Protein backbone atom coordinates (compact mmCIF):
# COMPACT_ATOMS: atom_id res chain seq x y z
CA MET A 1 15.35 4.69 -23.48
CA LYS A 2 11.19 4.07 -22.14
CA GLY A 3 10.47 3.81 -18.37
CA VAL A 4 8.19 4.24 -15.67
CA GLN A 5 8.74 6.67 -12.61
CA ILE A 6 6.65 6.34 -8.89
CA LEU A 7 7.43 9.08 -6.49
CA PRO A 8 6.24 8.94 -2.85
CA VAL A 9 4.06 12.37 -2.21
CA GLU A 10 5.11 13.19 1.41
CA GLY A 11 4.13 15.08 4.35
CA VAL A 12 0.64 14.24 4.40
CA PRO A 13 -0.51 14.95 7.64
CA GLU A 14 -3.08 12.48 9.29
CA VAL A 15 -6.14 13.60 7.59
CA ARG A 16 -9.25 13.43 10.20
CA PRO A 17 -13.39 13.44 9.08
CA GLY A 18 -13.96 16.85 7.52
CA ASP A 19 -10.13 17.86 5.80
CA ASP A 20 -9.94 19.08 2.65
CA LEU A 21 -8.36 16.30 1.15
CA ILE A 22 -8.03 17.65 -1.93
CA ALA A 23 -6.30 20.82 -0.85
CA ILE A 24 -4.36 18.88 1.39
CA LEU A 25 -3.12 16.02 -2.00
CA ALA A 26 -2.71 19.67 -4.20
CA ASP A 27 -0.03 21.01 -1.63
CA ALA A 28 1.65 18.15 -1.07
CA ALA A 29 2.34 17.50 -4.97
CA ARG A 30 2.18 20.86 -6.73
CA SER A 31 5.92 20.55 -7.40
CA ASP A 32 6.03 16.83 -8.86
CA LEU A 33 2.44 16.62 -9.89
CA HIS A 34 3.42 16.50 -14.46
CA PRO A 35 0.80 16.86 -17.40
CA GLY A 36 0.08 13.10 -17.98
CA ASP A 37 1.41 11.53 -14.24
CA VAL A 38 -1.23 8.97 -12.71
CA LEU A 39 -2.46 10.05 -9.38
CA VAL A 40 -2.98 7.27 -7.04
CA VAL A 41 -4.40 8.02 -3.53
CA THR A 42 -4.95 5.30 -0.83
CA HIS A 43 -8.35 4.90 0.09
CA LYS A 44 -7.85 5.05 3.84
CA VAL A 45 -6.98 8.97 2.94
CA VAL A 46 -10.45 8.73 0.90
CA SER A 47 -12.19 7.44 3.24
CA LYS A 48 -10.99 9.86 6.21
CA ALA A 49 -12.18 13.27 4.90
CA GLU A 50 -14.61 11.72 4.31
CA GLY A 51 -15.90 10.62 7.54
CA ARG A 52 -16.16 6.40 6.57
CA LEU A 53 -15.10 5.92 9.64
CA VAL A 54 -17.16 4.03 12.53
CA ASP A 55 -16.96 3.76 16.14
CA LEU A 56 -17.81 0.45 17.83
CA ALA A 57 -18.71 1.97 20.54
CA THR A 58 -21.87 2.47 18.74
CA VAL A 59 -22.38 -0.74 16.53
CA GLU A 60 -25.27 -3.66 18.40
CA PRO A 61 -23.94 -6.73 16.29
CA SER A 62 -26.37 -9.24 15.91
CA THR A 63 -26.69 -12.02 16.43
CA LEU A 64 -25.16 -13.75 13.41
CA ALA A 65 -22.56 -11.32 14.20
CA LYS A 66 -21.97 -12.36 17.54
CA SER A 67 -21.95 -16.78 16.91
CA TYR A 68 -19.53 -16.46 14.41
CA ALA A 69 -16.92 -14.01 16.33
CA SER A 70 -17.57 -16.13 19.57
CA GLU A 71 -16.14 -19.05 17.43
CA TYR A 72 -13.47 -17.35 16.14
CA GLY A 73 -12.42 -14.86 18.88
CA LYS A 74 -12.59 -11.93 16.82
CA ASP A 75 -15.35 -8.68 18.11
CA PRO A 76 -18.78 -8.85 17.36
CA ARG A 77 -19.16 -5.26 16.16
CA GLN A 78 -16.83 -5.01 13.61
CA ILE A 79 -18.18 -8.82 11.97
CA GLU A 80 -21.66 -7.07 12.10
CA VAL A 81 -19.38 -4.12 10.90
CA VAL A 82 -18.70 -6.03 7.68
CA LEU A 83 -22.00 -8.25 7.30
CA ARG A 84 -23.60 -4.21 7.01
CA GLU A 85 -21.50 -3.45 4.64
CA SER A 86 -21.81 -6.77 2.21
CA ARG A 87 -24.23 -7.01 -0.37
CA ARG A 88 -23.48 -11.00 -0.57
CA ILE A 89 -21.35 -13.39 1.28
CA VAL A 90 -19.57 -15.46 -0.80
CA ARG A 91 -18.01 -17.56 2.22
CA MET A 92 -17.59 -17.06 6.32
CA ASP A 93 -15.00 -19.62 7.22
CA ARG A 94 -11.20 -19.46 9.67
CA GLY A 95 -13.00 -15.98 11.22
CA ILE A 96 -12.63 -14.23 7.71
CA ILE A 97 -15.91 -13.13 5.68
CA ILE A 98 -15.44 -12.83 2.30
CA SER A 99 -18.24 -10.83 0.45
CA GLU A 100 -18.80 -8.61 -2.46
CA THR A 101 -19.96 -4.90 -1.49
CA ARG A 102 -22.77 -2.33 -2.75
CA HIS A 103 -19.53 -1.35 -4.89
CA GLY A 104 -19.48 -5.02 -6.54
CA PHE A 105 -16.23 -5.96 -4.93
CA VAL A 106 -15.38 -9.11 -4.17
CA CYS A 107 -12.71 -9.13 -1.01
CA ALA A 108 -12.62 -10.45 2.63
CA ASN A 109 -14.25 -8.29 5.28
CA ALA A 110 -16.05 -6.14 2.80
CA GLY A 111 -13.05 -3.91 2.65
CA VAL A 112 -13.55 -3.38 6.82
CA ASP A 113 -9.98 -2.43 7.90
CA ALA A 114 -9.11 -1.57 11.93
CA SER A 115 -5.40 -0.37 10.53
CA ASN A 116 -4.35 2.77 10.30
CA VAL A 117 -6.86 4.07 11.97
CA PRO A 118 -6.56 6.08 15.18
CA GLY A 119 -8.21 4.84 18.40
CA GLU A 120 -8.74 0.92 19.30
CA ASP A 121 -12.42 0.76 18.29
CA THR A 122 -12.35 3.22 15.18
CA VAL A 123 -12.58 0.92 11.59
CA CYS A 124 -12.90 2.38 8.34
CA LEU A 125 -15.61 1.93 4.86
CA LEU A 126 -14.68 2.31 1.82
CA PRO A 127 -15.43 5.45 0.45
CA LEU A 128 -19.07 5.71 -1.05
CA ASP A 129 -18.75 6.19 -4.10
CA SER A 130 -14.75 5.37 -5.23
CA ASP A 131 -15.44 6.66 -8.32
CA VAL A 132 -16.77 9.66 -7.75
CA SER A 133 -14.12 9.87 -5.42
CA ALA A 134 -11.02 10.38 -7.93
CA ARG A 135 -13.21 12.59 -10.07
CA LYS A 136 -12.75 14.60 -7.66
CA LEU A 137 -9.30 15.19 -7.26
CA ARG A 138 -9.14 14.77 -10.88
CA ASP A 139 -10.91 17.75 -11.34
CA ALA A 140 -9.36 19.76 -8.52
CA MET A 141 -5.67 19.28 -10.02
CA ALA A 142 -6.82 20.62 -12.70
CA ALA A 143 -8.12 23.33 -11.54
CA ARG A 144 -6.07 24.06 -9.00
CA LEU A 145 -2.32 22.60 -10.19
CA GLY A 146 -3.14 22.71 -14.19
CA VAL A 147 -2.32 19.64 -14.94
CA GLU A 148 -4.56 16.86 -16.46
CA VAL A 149 -3.97 13.70 -14.76
CA ALA A 150 -5.65 9.98 -14.00
CA VAL A 151 -6.83 8.92 -10.66
CA VAL A 152 -6.66 6.41 -9.22
CA ILE A 153 -8.15 5.07 -6.09
CA SER A 154 -6.47 2.14 -4.33
CA ASP A 155 -6.82 -0.37 -1.09
CA SER A 156 -5.13 -3.46 -0.31
CA PHE A 157 -6.98 -6.86 -1.56
CA GLY A 158 -5.99 -10.92 -1.60
CA ARG A 159 -5.90 -12.86 -4.61
CA ALA A 160 -7.22 -16.55 -5.15
CA TRP A 161 -4.67 -18.99 -5.60
CA ARG A 162 -1.69 -16.71 -4.45
CA HIS A 163 -0.08 -15.94 -0.72
CA GLY A 164 -0.20 -12.06 0.23
CA ILE A 165 -1.71 -8.76 -0.82
CA THR A 166 -1.56 -6.14 -3.35
CA ASP A 167 -3.20 -3.06 -4.16
CA ILE A 168 -5.45 -2.57 -7.04
CA ALA A 169 -7.80 0.31 -8.44
CA ILE A 170 -11.21 0.73 -6.29
CA GLY A 171 -11.70 3.96 -7.89
CA VAL A 172 -10.39 5.17 -11.10
CA ALA A 173 -10.93 8.97 -13.04
CA GLY A 174 -9.17 10.30 -16.78
CA MET A 175 -8.13 7.20 -17.80
CA ASP A 176 -9.39 3.38 -19.20
CA PRO A 177 -8.63 1.74 -16.71
CA LEU A 178 -7.86 -1.78 -18.68
CA ALA A 179 -5.51 -2.40 -21.47
CA ASP A 180 -6.97 -3.58 -24.38
CA TYR A 181 -4.89 -5.78 -27.38
CA ARG A 182 -7.98 -8.29 -28.81
CA GLY A 183 -7.54 -8.04 -32.18
CA GLN A 184 -3.71 -7.25 -32.54
CA ASN A 185 -0.69 -9.42 -33.35
CA ASP A 186 1.80 -10.44 -31.16
CA PRO A 187 5.07 -9.79 -32.53
CA HIS A 188 5.52 -13.36 -33.93
CA GLY A 189 2.13 -12.60 -36.00
CA TYR A 190 -0.04 -14.80 -33.32
CA PRO A 191 -3.37 -12.97 -32.82
CA MET A 192 -4.17 -12.43 -29.86
CA ASP A 193 -8.21 -12.90 -29.09
CA ALA A 194 -7.67 -12.43 -24.88
CA SER A 195 -5.65 -10.41 -23.60
CA VAL A 196 -6.90 -7.51 -21.79
CA LEU A 197 -4.97 -6.17 -19.17
CA ALA A 198 -6.11 -4.12 -16.06
CA VAL A 199 -3.50 -1.54 -15.91
CA ALA A 200 -5.09 0.66 -13.20
CA ASP A 201 -4.67 -2.16 -10.63
CA GLU A 202 -1.08 -2.53 -11.78
CA LEU A 203 -0.31 0.96 -11.19
CA ALA A 204 -1.67 0.54 -7.93
CA GLY A 205 0.35 -2.35 -7.35
CA ALA A 206 3.46 -0.86 -8.51
CA ALA A 207 2.80 2.53 -6.87
CA GLU A 208 2.04 0.78 -3.11
CA LEU A 209 5.87 -0.13 -3.45
CA VAL A 210 6.74 3.46 -2.33
CA MET A 211 3.40 4.31 -0.49
CA GLY A 212 4.24 0.74 1.74
CA LYS A 213 2.26 0.34 4.84
CA THR A 214 3.50 1.49 7.64
CA GLU A 215 5.46 4.46 5.92
CA GLY A 216 2.59 6.80 6.60
CA ILE A 217 2.91 8.24 2.51
CA PRO A 218 -0.80 7.70 0.94
CA ALA A 219 -0.40 9.31 -2.37
CA ALA A 220 2.17 7.84 -4.96
CA ILE A 221 3.19 9.69 -8.80
CA VAL A 222 3.45 7.49 -11.58
CA ARG A 223 5.42 8.67 -14.09
CA GLY A 224 6.24 7.76 -17.88
CA TYR A 225 3.13 4.86 -18.13
CA GLU A 226 0.82 6.38 -21.64
CA TYR A 227 -2.42 5.15 -20.60
CA GLU A 228 -5.70 5.77 -22.88
CA HIS A 229 -6.62 9.18 -21.94
CA VAL A 230 -10.40 9.82 -20.92
CA PRO A 231 -11.22 13.67 -21.18
CA GLY A 232 -12.90 15.04 -18.24
CA SER A 233 -16.34 14.82 -20.59
CA ALA A 234 -16.42 11.63 -20.42
CA SER A 235 -16.53 8.63 -17.62
CA SER A 236 -13.20 5.92 -16.33
CA SER A 237 -14.75 3.65 -13.19
CA ALA A 238 -12.99 1.41 -11.96
CA ARG A 239 -16.39 -0.79 -12.42
CA ASP A 240 -15.10 -2.16 -16.16
CA LEU A 241 -12.70 -4.14 -14.32
CA LEU A 242 -15.23 -6.09 -12.37
CA MET A 243 -15.64 -9.44 -13.51
CA PRO A 244 -20.11 -9.44 -15.02
CA PRO A 245 -21.55 -12.22 -13.03
CA GLU A 246 -22.53 -13.95 -16.14
CA ARG A 247 -18.86 -14.81 -16.88
CA ASP A 248 -17.69 -15.42 -13.31
CA MET A 249 -16.23 -19.10 -12.98
CA PHE A 250 -15.96 -18.85 -8.87
CA ARG A 251 -19.83 -16.92 -8.22
């Protein structure tokens, strides 16, 4: 019987700027990681290790940040950081900023987040390039542990029309983030012409079920899912999951 297992990677300490995240995760996952697994890592520990933290005491908010923060009772310094991290503002309302990041992700507050970050005046940014970060982790696991795995870096996003958040892939290495069934027939012989599954997002969401938000578990191993392998010499990217502007009906 086919099935998928999701295993938490436990024993990961609090990650700080400059820490060797590769060594930390390799040590924690050493006995559990098997060839063909998918290692899902929350972006927060990646960002921390890469120094993507901002001390709000160093931020001078702009007039726009002050005005918007005053209207909704927000910290103008954090609003300023969100504005700086945004390539395009989609909407500003009810104290929330929906924006497009430099990576092309459309999300709340440009991914700027104060949760699970030590200190009251510190916020965490997204990694500069989550795909590169995922690639480094994947290559390191192969070199250090001798196992070929795929790596997904995840973050929590909201979704239009639905309550609640779910984890999605913002960095991918070693696998195709999409499973394309177009051109195939379903079990009843009906041709599929629009079925492209966001499997990297689904893996990120599944992994979050064992990582949680308060358990202090920043990584998980998904075993048993047969993904489309992308060799180390080739590049896979979470950007493949982004809707091209010409097809974006909500832009």
